[in-house]
Amino acid sequence: MNKFLLRLILVSLLTLGSSAVWAQMTAAPAIPGVKGKLDTVTDNSLKILTNSGVVRVQIKQPLITYGRIPSDLSHVTSTSFVGVTSVTEADGTQLAKEIHIFPSALRGAGEGSNLMGSALGAGHRSRMTNGSVSRTFAIPRSRMTNGEAQIQGGGRILRVRYQGAEQTIVVPHNVPVTQIVPMKEKLQAGDTIYAATEKQTNGTLTTDKVYLIAGPANSK
């Protein structure tokens, strides 16, 4: 199936029922948080190295830590809040490379869609989109060829809504999917984390929820 036909399918599916979807769906309230690499961690506090500098966060007990377990596309539904890593194809199509499903307690974490580096492939810009799935379509079982990517039946087309905007992402059937779940994690220097934070009246940031994105060996 060529690019023109893929575009025709995308336009047809996205147009169908779009008014009803936008009327019924609302984006998840964004959860304030700090993402970065742990510099130091104690029982009471975290010092996180971010792109804008060092941020200190006080730990509010009991602290809940989150990790990832394998999942699949059947768990990505129209009620999911997801984080999708994608690459931009030559024709502008966003092609998913990885999907993470957030639990309700972290719904709204990191909401937005931002360009990243090109580590996922030479000549490609990667994008991270965190948002609410406002609609999901099954890709017809016939084979589609979209630029360099061949998409077999069983894949999806997702519409991910965030901060008043929306991103359409093509998801091949074999894209890795993980679920973020409460898990005993030992936090250590070098970990890449996301700490959901609350700002106190004195300006101090506190957290009782920390998502371990990557350990020191594979932190980016």
N, C-alpha and C. Protein backbone atom coordinates (compact mmCIF):
# COMPACT_ATOMS: atom_id res chain seq x y z
N MET A 1 0.85 -1.17 0.00
CA MET A 1 0.00 0.00 0.00
C MET A 1 0.90 1.24 0.00
N ASN A 2 0.65 2.21 -0.88
CA ASN A 2 1.56 3.33 -1.02
C ASN A 2 1.23 4.47 -0.06
N LYS A 3 2.08 5.50 -0.11
CA LYS A 3 1.93 6.62 0.82
C LYS A 3 0.59 7.33 0.64
N PHE A 4 0.17 7.49 -0.63
CA PHE A 4 -1.08 8.19 -0.88
C PHE A 4 -2.24 7.48 -0.20
N LEU A 5 -2.27 6.14 -0.31
CA LEU A 5 -3.35 5.38 0.29
C LEU A 5 -3.30 5.44 1.81
N LEU A 6 -2.07 5.43 2.36
CA LEU A 6 -1.93 5.55 3.81
C LEU A 6 -2.50 6.88 4.27
N ARG A 7 -2.15 7.96 3.57
CA ARG A 7 -2.67 9.28 3.92
C ARG A 7 -4.20 9.31 3.83
N LEU A 8 -4.76 8.66 2.80
CA LEU A 8 -6.21 8.63 2.62
C LEU A 8 -6.88 7.92 3.79
N ILE A 9 -6.27 6.82 4.24
CA ILE A 9 -6.82 6.08 5.38
C ILE A 9 -6.75 6.93 6.64
N LEU A 10 -5.60 7.59 6.84
CA LEU A 10 -5.43 8.44 8.02
C LEU A 10 -6.49 9.54 8.06
N VAL A 11 -6.66 10.24 6.93
CA VAL A 11 -7.62 11.34 6.87
C VAL A 11 -9.03 10.83 7.12
N SER A 12 -9.39 9.70 6.49
CA SER A 12 -10.74 9.15 6.65
C SER A 12 -11.03 8.76 8.08
N LEU A 13 -10.07 8.07 8.72
CA LEU A 13 -10.28 7.60 10.09
C LEU A 13 -10.33 8.76 11.07
N LEU A 14 -9.46 9.74 10.87
CA LEU A 14 -9.39 10.85 11.82
C LEU A 14 -10.58 11.79 11.69
N THR A 15 -11.15 11.88 10.50
CA THR A 15 -12.30 12.74 10.29
C THR A 15 -13.56 12.12 10.88
N LEU A 16 -13.67 10.80 10.80
CA LEU A 16 -14.85 10.09 11.25
C LEU A 16 -15.05 10.27 12.75
N GLY A 17 -16.13 10.89 13.13
CA GLY A 17 -16.48 11.02 14.54
C GLY A 17 -15.60 11.94 15.35
N SER A 18 -14.82 12.79 14.68
CA SER A 18 -13.88 13.62 15.43
C SER A 18 -14.58 14.62 16.33
N SER A 19 -15.70 15.18 15.91
CA SER A 19 -16.41 16.16 16.73
C SER A 19 -16.88 15.55 18.03
N ALA A 20 -17.43 14.33 17.95
CA ALA A 20 -17.92 13.66 19.15
C ALA A 20 -16.77 13.36 20.10
N VAL A 21 -15.64 12.94 19.54
CA VAL A 21 -14.49 12.60 20.38
C VAL A 21 -14.00 13.83 21.13
N TRP A 22 -13.83 14.94 20.42
CA TRP A 22 -13.32 16.16 21.07
C TRP A 22 -14.31 16.66 22.11
N ALA A 23 -15.63 16.43 21.87
CA ALA A 23 -16.62 16.88 22.83
C ALA A 23 -16.57 16.06 24.10
N GLN A 24 -16.25 14.75 23.97
CA GLN A 24 -16.30 13.86 25.11
C GLN A 24 -14.98 13.80 25.88
N MET A 25 -13.84 13.99 25.20
CA MET A 25 -12.54 13.79 25.83
C MET A 25 -11.98 15.10 26.36
N THR A 26 -11.33 15.03 27.50
CA THR A 26 -10.59 16.17 28.02
C THR A 26 -9.19 15.70 28.37
N ALA A 27 -8.22 16.55 28.14
CA ALA A 27 -6.84 16.18 28.45
C ALA A 27 -6.68 16.06 29.96
N ALA A 28 -5.80 15.15 30.37
CA ALA A 28 -5.53 14.97 31.80
C ALA A 28 -4.86 16.22 32.36
N PRO A 29 -5.23 16.64 33.57
CA PRO A 29 -4.54 17.76 34.19
C PRO A 29 -3.05 17.41 34.34
N ALA A 30 -2.20 18.32 33.92
CA ALA A 30 -0.77 18.05 34.01
C ALA A 30 -0.33 17.92 35.47
N ILE A 31 0.54 16.93 35.73
CA ILE A 31 1.11 16.75 37.06
C ILE A 31 2.45 17.47 37.11
N PRO A 32 2.62 18.45 38.00
CA PRO A 32 3.94 19.08 38.12
C PRO A 32 4.98 18.03 38.49
N GLY A 33 6.16 18.16 37.95
CA GLY A 33 7.19 17.18 38.25
C GLY A 33 8.57 17.64 37.81
N VAL A 34 9.56 16.87 38.23
CA VAL A 34 10.96 17.15 37.89
C VAL A 34 11.54 15.89 37.25
N LYS A 35 12.09 16.05 36.06
CA LYS A 35 12.73 14.94 35.36
C LYS A 35 14.22 15.23 35.22
N GLY A 36 15.03 14.23 35.51
CA GLY A 36 16.46 14.42 35.37
C GLY A 36 17.23 13.24 35.94
N LYS A 37 18.52 13.47 36.15
CA LYS A 37 19.40 12.42 36.65
C LYS A 37 19.69 12.67 38.13
N LEU A 38 19.54 11.61 38.93
CA LEU A 38 19.79 11.72 40.36
C LEU A 38 21.27 11.99 40.63
N ASP A 39 21.54 13.04 41.39
CA ASP A 39 22.90 13.32 41.82
C ASP A 39 23.15 12.67 43.17
N THR A 40 22.25 12.95 44.11
CA THR A 40 22.32 12.29 45.42
C THR A 40 20.92 11.96 45.88
N VAL A 41 20.82 10.93 46.73
CA VAL A 41 19.54 10.54 47.29
C VAL A 41 19.75 10.11 48.74
N THR A 42 18.88 10.59 49.63
CA THR A 42 18.88 10.17 51.03
C THR A 42 17.46 9.69 51.36
N ASP A 43 17.26 9.32 52.61
CA ASP A 43 15.92 8.90 53.03
C ASP A 43 14.93 10.06 53.00
N ASN A 44 15.45 11.27 53.01
CA ASN A 44 14.58 12.44 53.12
C ASN A 44 14.55 13.36 51.90
N SER A 45 15.52 13.21 50.99
CA SER A 45 15.58 14.17 49.90
C SER A 45 16.25 13.60 48.64
N LEU A 46 15.98 14.30 47.53
CA LEU A 46 16.60 13.98 46.24
C LEU A 46 17.25 15.24 45.71
N LYS A 47 18.41 15.10 45.09
CA LYS A 47 19.03 16.20 44.36
C LYS A 47 19.09 15.74 42.91
N ILE A 48 18.34 16.44 42.04
CA ILE A 48 18.15 16.01 40.66
C ILE A 48 18.82 16.98 39.70
N LEU A 49 19.65 16.46 38.81
CA LEU A 49 20.30 17.28 37.79
C LEU A 49 19.38 17.36 36.58
N THR A 50 18.90 18.55 36.26
CA THR A 50 18.01 18.76 35.12
C THR A 50 18.72 19.63 34.08
N ASN A 51 18.06 19.81 32.94
CA ASN A 51 18.63 20.64 31.87
C ASN A 51 18.78 22.10 32.30
N SER A 52 17.99 22.50 33.30
CA SER A 52 18.04 23.89 33.75
C SER A 52 18.78 24.07 35.06
N GLY A 53 19.39 22.99 35.56
CA GLY A 53 20.16 23.10 36.79
C GLY A 53 19.77 22.05 37.82
N VAL A 54 20.30 22.21 39.04
CA VAL A 54 20.06 21.25 40.12
C VAL A 54 18.76 21.62 40.84
N VAL A 55 17.90 20.61 41.06
CA VAL A 55 16.65 20.82 41.78
C VAL A 55 16.63 19.89 42.99
N ARG A 56 16.32 20.46 44.15
CA ARG A 56 16.22 19.67 45.38
C ARG A 56 14.76 19.40 45.70
N VAL A 57 14.46 18.14 45.99
CA VAL A 57 13.09 17.72 46.28
C VAL A 57 13.08 16.94 47.59
N GLN A 58 12.20 17.36 48.51
CA GLN A 58 12.06 16.64 49.77
C GLN A 58 11.14 15.43 49.58
N ILE A 59 11.48 14.32 50.19
CA ILE A 59 10.68 13.10 50.09
C ILE A 59 9.60 13.11 51.18
N LYS A 60 8.38 12.87 50.75
CA LYS A 60 7.25 12.77 51.66
C LYS A 60 6.88 11.29 51.79
N GLN A 61 7.00 10.76 52.97
CA GLN A 61 6.72 9.34 53.20
C GLN A 61 5.21 9.10 53.37
N PRO A 62 4.69 7.93 52.94
CA PRO A 62 5.46 6.85 52.31
C PRO A 62 5.71 7.15 50.83
N LEU A 63 6.94 6.92 50.40
CA LEU A 63 7.31 7.15 49.02
C LEU A 63 6.94 5.93 48.18
N ILE A 64 6.25 6.17 47.06
CA ILE A 64 5.91 5.10 46.12
C ILE A 64 6.83 5.22 44.92
N THR A 65 7.54 4.15 44.59
CA THR A 65 8.39 4.14 43.40
C THR A 65 7.73 3.30 42.31
N TYR A 66 8.01 3.68 41.07
CA TYR A 66 7.39 3.02 39.92
C TYR A 66 8.47 2.51 38.97
N GLY A 67 8.20 1.34 38.39
CA GLY A 67 9.06 0.77 37.36
C GLY A 67 8.20 0.32 36.19
N ARG A 68 8.79 -0.46 35.28
CA ARG A 68 8.07 -0.88 34.08
C ARG A 68 8.02 -2.40 33.96
N ILE A 69 6.89 -2.89 33.42
CA ILE A 69 6.74 -4.31 33.11
C ILE A 69 6.28 -4.44 31.67
N PRO A 70 6.59 -5.55 30.99
CA PRO A 70 6.17 -5.73 29.60
C PRO A 70 4.65 -5.73 29.47
N SER A 71 4.17 -5.17 28.36
CA SER A 71 2.73 -5.14 28.07
C SER A 71 2.55 -5.30 26.56
N ASP A 72 1.38 -4.93 26.06
CA ASP A 72 1.15 -5.02 24.62
C ASP A 72 0.08 -4.01 24.20
N LEU A 73 -0.15 -3.92 22.90
CA LEU A 73 -1.06 -2.91 22.36
C LEU A 73 -2.50 -3.07 22.84
N SER A 74 -2.89 -4.27 23.25
CA SER A 74 -4.27 -4.47 23.69
C SER A 74 -4.59 -3.66 24.94
N HIS A 75 -3.54 -3.23 25.68
CA HIS A 75 -3.74 -2.44 26.89
C HIS A 75 -3.75 -0.93 26.61
N VAL A 76 -3.53 -0.55 25.36
CA VAL A 76 -3.61 0.87 24.99
C VAL A 76 -5.03 1.14 24.50
N THR A 77 -5.82 1.82 25.32
CA THR A 77 -7.22 2.05 25.02
C THR A 77 -7.52 3.55 24.98
N SER A 78 -8.77 3.87 24.70
CA SER A 78 -9.18 5.27 24.62
C SER A 78 -9.25 5.94 25.99
N THR A 79 -8.95 5.19 27.06
CA THR A 79 -8.90 5.79 28.40
C THR A 79 -7.46 5.88 28.93
N SER A 80 -6.49 5.48 28.11
CA SER A 80 -5.10 5.42 28.57
C SER A 80 -4.42 6.79 28.54
N PHE A 81 -3.49 6.99 29.49
CA PHE A 81 -2.55 8.09 29.42
C PHE A 81 -1.20 7.46 29.10
N VAL A 82 -0.59 7.88 27.99
CA VAL A 82 0.60 7.19 27.49
C VAL A 82 1.75 8.15 27.23
N GLY A 83 2.94 7.59 27.17
CA GLY A 83 4.11 8.29 26.67
C GLY A 83 4.58 7.55 25.43
N VAL A 84 4.64 8.23 24.30
CA VAL A 84 5.00 7.59 23.03
C VAL A 84 6.27 8.22 22.47
N THR A 85 7.28 7.38 22.25
CA THR A 85 8.48 7.83 21.53
C THR A 85 8.24 7.52 20.06
N SER A 86 8.42 8.53 19.21
CA SER A 86 8.17 8.35 17.78
C SER A 86 9.24 9.05 16.96
N VAL A 87 9.30 8.69 15.69
CA VAL A 87 10.20 9.38 14.76
C VAL A 87 9.36 9.99 13.65
N THR A 88 9.83 11.09 13.11
CA THR A 88 9.14 11.78 12.03
C THR A 88 9.66 11.25 10.70
N GLU A 89 8.77 10.64 9.92
CA GLU A 89 9.14 10.13 8.61
C GLU A 89 9.26 11.29 7.61
N ALA A 90 9.79 10.97 6.44
CA ALA A 90 10.04 12.01 5.43
C ALA A 90 8.77 12.76 5.04
N ASP A 91 7.60 12.06 5.09
CA ASP A 91 6.34 12.71 4.70
C ASP A 91 5.63 13.37 5.88
N GLY A 92 6.30 13.39 7.04
CA GLY A 92 5.72 14.04 8.21
C GLY A 92 4.98 13.12 9.16
N THR A 93 4.76 11.88 8.76
CA THR A 93 4.06 10.92 9.62
C THR A 93 4.87 10.62 10.87
N GLN A 94 4.20 10.59 12.02
CA GLN A 94 4.83 10.17 13.27
C GLN A 94 4.70 8.65 13.40
N LEU A 95 5.84 7.95 13.49
CA LEU A 95 5.86 6.50 13.56
C LEU A 95 6.37 6.09 14.94
N ALA A 96 5.53 5.38 15.71
CA ALA A 96 5.87 5.01 17.09
C ALA A 96 7.02 4.02 17.13
N LYS A 97 7.92 4.22 18.09
CA LYS A 97 9.02 3.30 18.34
C LYS A 97 8.91 2.64 19.71
N GLU A 98 8.15 3.24 20.62
CA GLU A 98 8.03 2.73 21.98
C GLU A 98 6.82 3.39 22.64
N ILE A 99 6.09 2.62 23.46
CA ILE A 99 4.93 3.17 24.17
C ILE A 99 5.00 2.76 25.65
N HIS A 100 4.73 3.74 26.53
CA HIS A 100 4.65 3.47 27.96
C HIS A 100 3.26 3.87 28.44
N ILE A 101 2.59 2.98 29.17
CA ILE A 101 1.25 3.24 29.70
C ILE A 101 1.38 3.65 31.16
N PHE A 102 0.89 4.85 31.49
CA PHE A 102 0.99 5.37 32.85
C PHE A 102 -0.19 4.90 33.70
N PRO A 103 0.03 4.70 35.00
CA PRO A 103 -1.08 4.38 35.91
C PRO A 103 -1.88 5.64 36.22
N SER A 104 -3.07 5.47 36.79
CA SER A 104 -3.93 6.62 37.07
C SER A 104 -3.26 7.62 38.02
N ALA A 105 -2.43 7.11 38.94
CA ALA A 105 -1.75 7.99 39.90
C ALA A 105 -0.76 8.93 39.24
N LEU A 106 -0.29 8.58 38.03
CA LEU A 106 0.67 9.43 37.31
C LEU A 106 0.05 10.00 36.03
N ARG A 107 -1.25 9.95 35.93
CA ARG A 107 -1.93 10.50 34.76
C ARG A 107 -1.68 12.01 34.69
N GLY A 108 -1.11 12.48 33.58
CA GLY A 108 -0.77 13.89 33.44
C GLY A 108 0.72 14.16 33.60
N ALA A 109 1.50 13.13 33.96
CA ALA A 109 2.94 13.31 34.16
C ALA A 109 3.64 13.63 32.84
N GLY A 110 4.40 14.71 32.83
CA GLY A 110 5.18 15.08 31.65
C GLY A 110 4.35 15.40 30.43
N GLU A 111 3.10 15.83 30.63
CA GLU A 111 2.21 16.05 29.49
C GLU A 111 2.81 17.05 28.50
N GLY A 112 2.76 16.68 27.21
CA GLY A 112 3.28 17.54 26.16
C GLY A 112 3.89 16.72 25.05
N SER A 113 4.38 17.40 24.01
CA SER A 113 5.02 16.73 22.88
C SER A 113 6.27 17.53 22.51
N ASN A 114 7.43 16.89 22.65
CA ASN A 114 8.68 17.61 22.48
C ASN A 114 9.66 16.85 21.59
N LEU A 115 10.36 17.59 20.74
CA LEU A 115 11.39 17.00 19.90
C LEU A 115 12.59 16.61 20.76
N MET A 116 13.19 15.48 20.39
CA MET A 116 14.37 15.01 21.09
C MET A 116 15.51 14.93 20.08
N GLY A 117 16.53 14.11 20.37
CA GLY A 117 17.65 13.96 19.46
C GLY A 117 17.32 13.01 18.33
N SER A 118 18.36 12.52 17.64
CA SER A 118 18.16 11.63 16.50
C SER A 118 18.71 10.23 16.77
N ALA A 119 18.77 9.85 18.05
CA ALA A 119 19.39 8.58 18.43
C ALA A 119 18.65 7.36 17.88
N LEU A 120 17.37 7.52 17.55
CA LEU A 120 16.60 6.37 17.09
C LEU A 120 16.85 6.04 15.63
N GLY A 121 17.66 6.82 14.95
CA GLY A 121 17.96 6.53 13.55
C GLY A 121 18.51 7.74 12.85
N ALA A 122 19.55 7.54 12.06
CA ALA A 122 20.17 8.65 11.34
C ALA A 122 19.15 9.30 10.42
N GLY A 123 19.11 10.61 10.44
CA GLY A 123 18.21 11.34 9.56
C GLY A 123 16.81 11.50 10.11
N HIS A 124 16.52 10.90 11.28
CA HIS A 124 15.20 11.01 11.88
C HIS A 124 15.26 11.89 13.12
N ARG A 125 14.22 12.72 13.32
CA ARG A 125 14.06 13.44 14.57
C ARG A 125 13.10 12.65 15.44
N SER A 126 13.48 12.37 16.66
CA SER A 126 12.59 11.64 17.56
C SER A 126 11.77 12.62 18.38
N ARG A 127 10.60 12.17 18.81
CA ARG A 127 9.67 13.00 19.56
C ARG A 127 9.11 12.20 20.72
N MET A 128 8.94 12.85 21.87
CA MET A 128 8.29 12.22 23.00
C MET A 128 6.96 12.92 23.23
N THR A 129 5.87 12.15 23.19
CA THR A 129 4.54 12.69 23.38
C THR A 129 3.88 12.00 24.57
N ASN A 130 3.56 12.77 25.60
CA ASN A 130 2.82 12.27 26.75
C ASN A 130 1.43 12.89 26.73
N GLY A 131 0.40 12.06 26.72
CA GLY A 131 -0.94 12.60 26.69
C GLY A 131 -2.01 11.53 26.78
N SER A 132 -3.26 11.98 26.73
CA SER A 132 -4.41 11.08 26.81
C SER A 132 -4.76 10.57 25.42
N VAL A 133 -5.01 9.27 25.32
CA VAL A 133 -5.43 8.71 24.04
C VAL A 133 -6.89 9.10 23.83
N SER A 134 -7.13 9.96 22.84
CA SER A 134 -8.50 10.41 22.58
C SER A 134 -9.22 9.50 21.59
N ARG A 135 -8.45 8.75 20.83
CA ARG A 135 -9.07 7.80 19.90
C ARG A 135 -8.00 6.83 19.41
N THR A 136 -8.41 5.59 19.16
CA THR A 136 -7.50 4.59 18.62
C THR A 136 -8.20 3.83 17.49
N PHE A 137 -7.51 3.67 16.37
CA PHE A 137 -8.06 2.97 15.20
C PHE A 137 -7.20 1.76 14.88
N ALA A 138 -7.83 0.65 14.52
CA ALA A 138 -7.09 -0.51 14.04
C ALA A 138 -6.67 -0.27 12.60
N ILE A 139 -5.42 -0.60 12.27
CA ILE A 139 -4.95 -0.50 10.89
C ILE A 139 -5.50 -1.69 10.11
N PRO A 140 -6.04 -1.49 8.91
CA PRO A 140 -6.53 -2.62 8.12
C PRO A 140 -5.47 -3.70 7.98
N ARG A 141 -5.91 -4.95 7.87
CA ARG A 141 -4.97 -6.06 7.91
C ARG A 141 -4.10 -6.16 6.67
N SER A 142 -4.45 -5.45 5.61
CA SER A 142 -3.56 -5.45 4.44
C SER A 142 -2.29 -4.70 4.78
N ARG A 143 -1.24 -4.95 4.02
CA ARG A 143 0.07 -4.39 4.32
C ARG A 143 0.17 -2.95 3.84
N MET A 144 0.76 -2.10 4.67
CA MET A 144 0.98 -0.70 4.30
C MET A 144 2.46 -0.42 4.28
N THR A 145 2.90 0.29 3.27
CA THR A 145 4.29 0.72 3.24
C THR A 145 4.31 2.23 3.36
N ASN A 146 4.94 2.73 4.40
CA ASN A 146 5.00 4.17 4.64
C ASN A 146 6.47 4.57 4.69
N GLY A 147 6.98 5.04 3.55
CA GLY A 147 8.39 5.37 3.47
C GLY A 147 9.21 4.11 3.66
N GLU A 148 10.06 4.11 4.70
CA GLU A 148 10.90 2.96 4.97
C GLU A 148 10.20 1.93 5.84
N ALA A 149 9.08 2.30 6.46
CA ALA A 149 8.43 1.41 7.43
C ALA A 149 7.32 0.61 6.79
N GLN A 150 7.33 -0.69 6.99
CA GLN A 150 6.26 -1.55 6.52
C GLN A 150 5.40 -1.93 7.71
N ILE A 151 4.10 -1.63 7.63
CA ILE A 151 3.20 -1.81 8.76
C ILE A 151 2.24 -2.94 8.45
N GLN A 152 2.31 -4.00 9.24
CA GLN A 152 1.44 -5.14 9.05
C GLN A 152 0.13 -4.94 9.81
N GLY A 153 -0.89 -5.72 9.43
CA GLY A 153 -2.17 -5.69 10.14
C GLY A 153 -1.96 -5.98 11.61
N GLY A 154 -2.80 -5.41 12.46
CA GLY A 154 -2.67 -5.58 13.89
C GLY A 154 -2.10 -4.33 14.56
N GLY A 155 -1.63 -3.36 13.75
CA GLY A 155 -1.14 -2.11 14.31
C GLY A 155 -2.30 -1.16 14.61
N ARG A 156 -1.95 0.04 15.05
CA ARG A 156 -2.96 1.03 15.43
C ARG A 156 -2.59 2.41 14.90
N ILE A 157 -3.58 3.26 14.85
CA ILE A 157 -3.37 4.69 14.68
C ILE A 157 -3.91 5.34 15.94
N LEU A 158 -3.06 6.08 16.65
CA LEU A 158 -3.45 6.72 17.90
C LEU A 158 -3.57 8.22 17.72
N ARG A 159 -4.56 8.79 18.39
CA ARG A 159 -4.63 10.23 18.53
C ARG A 159 -4.37 10.53 20.00
N VAL A 160 -3.28 11.23 20.28
CA VAL A 160 -2.88 11.51 21.65
C VAL A 160 -3.05 13.00 21.92
N ARG A 161 -3.89 13.33 22.89
CA ARG A 161 -4.23 14.72 23.17
C ARG A 161 -3.46 15.24 24.38
N TYR A 162 -2.97 16.48 24.30
CA TYR A 162 -2.18 17.08 25.37
C TYR A 162 -2.28 18.60 25.28
N GLN A 163 -2.45 19.27 26.37
CA GLN A 163 -2.39 20.73 26.46
C GLN A 163 -3.12 21.44 25.32
N GLY A 164 -4.31 20.97 24.99
CA GLY A 164 -5.11 21.62 23.96
C GLY A 164 -4.70 21.29 22.53
N ALA A 165 -3.71 20.42 22.36
CA ALA A 165 -3.27 20.01 21.02
C ALA A 165 -3.41 18.49 20.89
N GLU A 166 -3.09 17.98 19.71
CA GLU A 166 -3.24 16.55 19.48
C GLU A 166 -2.19 16.08 18.48
N GLN A 167 -1.66 14.87 18.71
CA GLN A 167 -0.67 14.27 17.82
C GLN A 167 -1.23 12.94 17.31
N THR A 168 -1.14 12.75 15.98
CA THR A 168 -1.56 11.49 15.37
C THR A 168 -0.32 10.63 15.14
N ILE A 169 -0.36 9.38 15.63
CA ILE A 169 0.82 8.51 15.60
C ILE A 169 0.45 7.15 15.04
N VAL A 170 1.21 6.70 14.06
CA VAL A 170 1.03 5.36 13.49
C VAL A 170 1.84 4.38 14.34
N VAL A 171 1.19 3.29 14.78
CA VAL A 171 1.83 2.33 15.68
C VAL A 171 1.87 0.94 15.04
N PRO A 172 3.05 0.48 14.57
CA PRO A 172 3.16 -0.88 14.05
C PRO A 172 2.83 -1.90 15.13
N HIS A 173 2.42 -3.10 14.71
CA HIS A 173 1.95 -4.10 15.67
C HIS A 173 3.04 -4.58 16.62
N ASN A 174 4.31 -4.48 16.22
CA ASN A 174 5.40 -5.04 17.02
C ASN A 174 6.14 -4.00 17.86
N VAL A 175 5.57 -2.81 18.02
CA VAL A 175 6.21 -1.77 18.83
C VAL A 175 6.25 -2.21 20.30
N PRO A 176 7.40 -2.06 20.98
CA PRO A 176 7.47 -2.42 22.40
C PRO A 176 6.52 -1.57 23.24
N VAL A 177 5.76 -2.23 24.11
CA VAL A 177 4.82 -1.55 25.00
C VAL A 177 5.13 -1.98 26.43
N THR A 178 5.21 -1.02 27.35
CA THR A 178 5.40 -1.34 28.76
C THR A 178 4.37 -0.60 29.60
N GLN A 179 4.07 -1.16 30.76
CA GLN A 179 3.20 -0.50 31.72
C GLN A 179 4.03 -0.03 32.90
N ILE A 180 3.74 1.18 33.36
CA ILE A 180 4.41 1.73 34.53
C ILE A 180 3.57 1.37 35.75
N VAL A 181 4.18 0.66 36.69
CA VAL A 181 3.44 0.15 37.85
C VAL A 181 4.22 0.40 39.14
N PRO A 182 3.51 0.45 40.30
CA PRO A 182 4.23 0.55 41.57
C PRO A 182 5.17 -0.65 41.72
N MET A 183 6.39 -0.37 42.11
CA MET A 183 7.41 -1.42 42.18
C MET A 183 8.49 -0.98 43.16
N LYS A 184 8.98 -1.91 43.94
CA LYS A 184 10.08 -1.61 44.85
C LYS A 184 11.33 -1.31 44.04
N GLU A 185 11.79 -0.08 44.09
CA GLU A 185 12.98 0.32 43.35
C GLU A 185 13.95 1.00 44.32
N LYS A 186 15.21 0.61 44.26
CA LYS A 186 16.23 1.28 45.07
C LYS A 186 16.83 2.41 44.25
N LEU A 187 16.52 3.63 44.61
CA LEU A 187 17.02 4.78 43.88
C LEU A 187 18.49 5.01 44.21
N GLN A 188 19.28 5.35 43.17
CA GLN A 188 20.70 5.59 43.38
C GLN A 188 21.21 6.66 42.43
N ALA A 189 22.35 7.22 42.75
CA ALA A 189 22.95 8.25 41.90
C ALA A 189 23.14 7.71 40.50
N GLY A 190 22.80 8.54 39.51
CA GLY A 190 22.92 8.13 38.11
C GLY A 190 21.61 7.70 37.50
N ASP A 191 20.60 7.38 38.34
CA ASP A 191 19.28 7.01 37.81
C ASP A 191 18.65 8.20 37.10
N THR A 192 17.94 7.92 36.02
CA THR A 192 17.09 8.93 35.39
C THR A 192 15.69 8.73 35.93
N ILE A 193 15.10 9.78 36.50
CA ILE A 193 13.82 9.65 37.18
C ILE A 193 12.85 10.77 36.80
N TYR A 194 11.59 10.55 37.12
CA TYR A 194 10.58 11.60 37.09
C TYR A 194 9.95 11.62 38.48
N ALA A 195 10.06 12.74 39.17
CA ALA A 195 9.46 12.88 40.49
C ALA A 195 8.23 13.78 40.38
N ALA A 196 7.06 13.24 40.68
CA ALA A 196 5.84 14.04 40.70
C ALA A 196 5.91 14.93 41.94
N THR A 197 5.79 16.22 41.77
CA THR A 197 6.06 17.14 42.88
C THR A 197 4.87 18.01 43.26
N GLU A 198 4.93 18.49 44.48
CA GLU A 198 3.96 19.46 45.00
C GLU A 198 4.75 20.59 45.64
N LYS A 199 4.38 21.82 45.32
CA LYS A 199 5.09 22.98 45.86
C LYS A 199 4.42 23.45 47.14
N GLN A 200 5.20 23.51 48.22
CA GLN A 200 4.69 23.95 49.51
C GLN A 200 4.66 25.47 49.59
N THR A 201 3.99 25.99 50.61
CA THR A 201 3.85 27.45 50.75
C THR A 201 5.19 28.16 50.92
N ASN A 202 6.18 27.44 51.45
CA ASN A 202 7.51 28.05 51.61
C ASN A 202 8.40 27.89 50.39
N GLY A 203 7.82 27.32 49.31
CA GLY A 203 8.57 27.15 48.05
C GLY A 203 9.25 25.81 47.90
N THR A 204 9.28 25.01 48.96
CA THR A 204 9.92 23.70 48.90
C THR A 204 9.11 22.74 48.03
N LEU A 205 9.82 21.94 47.21
CA LEU A 205 9.17 20.90 46.42
C LEU A 205 9.21 19.59 47.19
N THR A 206 8.06 18.88 47.23
CA THR A 206 8.00 17.58 47.87
C THR A 206 7.48 16.55 46.87
N THR A 207 7.82 15.29 47.13
CA THR A 207 7.32 14.20 46.28
C THR A 207 7.03 12.97 47.11
N ASP A 208 6.00 12.23 46.70
CA ASP A 208 5.76 10.90 47.27
C ASP A 208 5.60 9.86 46.16
N LYS A 209 5.94 10.28 44.92
CA LYS A 209 5.86 9.38 43.77
C LYS A 209 7.07 9.60 42.86
N VAL A 210 7.87 8.56 42.65
CA VAL A 210 9.05 8.66 41.79
C VAL A 210 9.04 7.52 40.79
N TYR A 211 9.12 7.86 39.51
CA TYR A 211 9.17 6.89 38.43
C TYR A 211 10.61 6.73 37.98
N LEU A 212 11.13 5.51 38.11
CA LEU A 212 12.49 5.20 37.67
C LEU A 212 12.46 4.94 36.17
N ILE A 213 12.95 5.90 35.38
CA ILE A 213 12.95 5.77 33.92
C ILE A 213 14.06 4.86 33.45
N ALA A 214 15.25 5.03 34.00
CA ALA A 214 16.40 4.21 33.61
C ALA A 214 17.45 4.23 34.70
N GLY A 215 18.15 3.09 34.85
CA GLY A 215 19.22 3.00 35.82
C GLY A 215 20.50 3.61 35.26
N PRO A 216 21.55 3.70 36.06
CA PRO A 216 22.80 4.33 35.64
C PRO A 216 23.40 3.70 34.37
N ALA A 217 23.24 2.38 34.21
CA ALA A 217 23.88 1.70 33.07
C ALA A 217 23.27 2.11 31.75
N ASN A 218 21.97 2.47 31.73
CA ASN A 218 21.35 2.84 30.46
C ASN A 218 20.65 4.19 30.52
N SER A 219 21.08 5.05 31.45
CA SER A 219 20.54 6.41 31.49
C SER A 219 21.01 7.19 30.29
N LYS A 220 20.16 8.09 29.81
CA LYS A 220 20.52 8.91 28.65
C LYS A 220 20.65 10.35 29.08
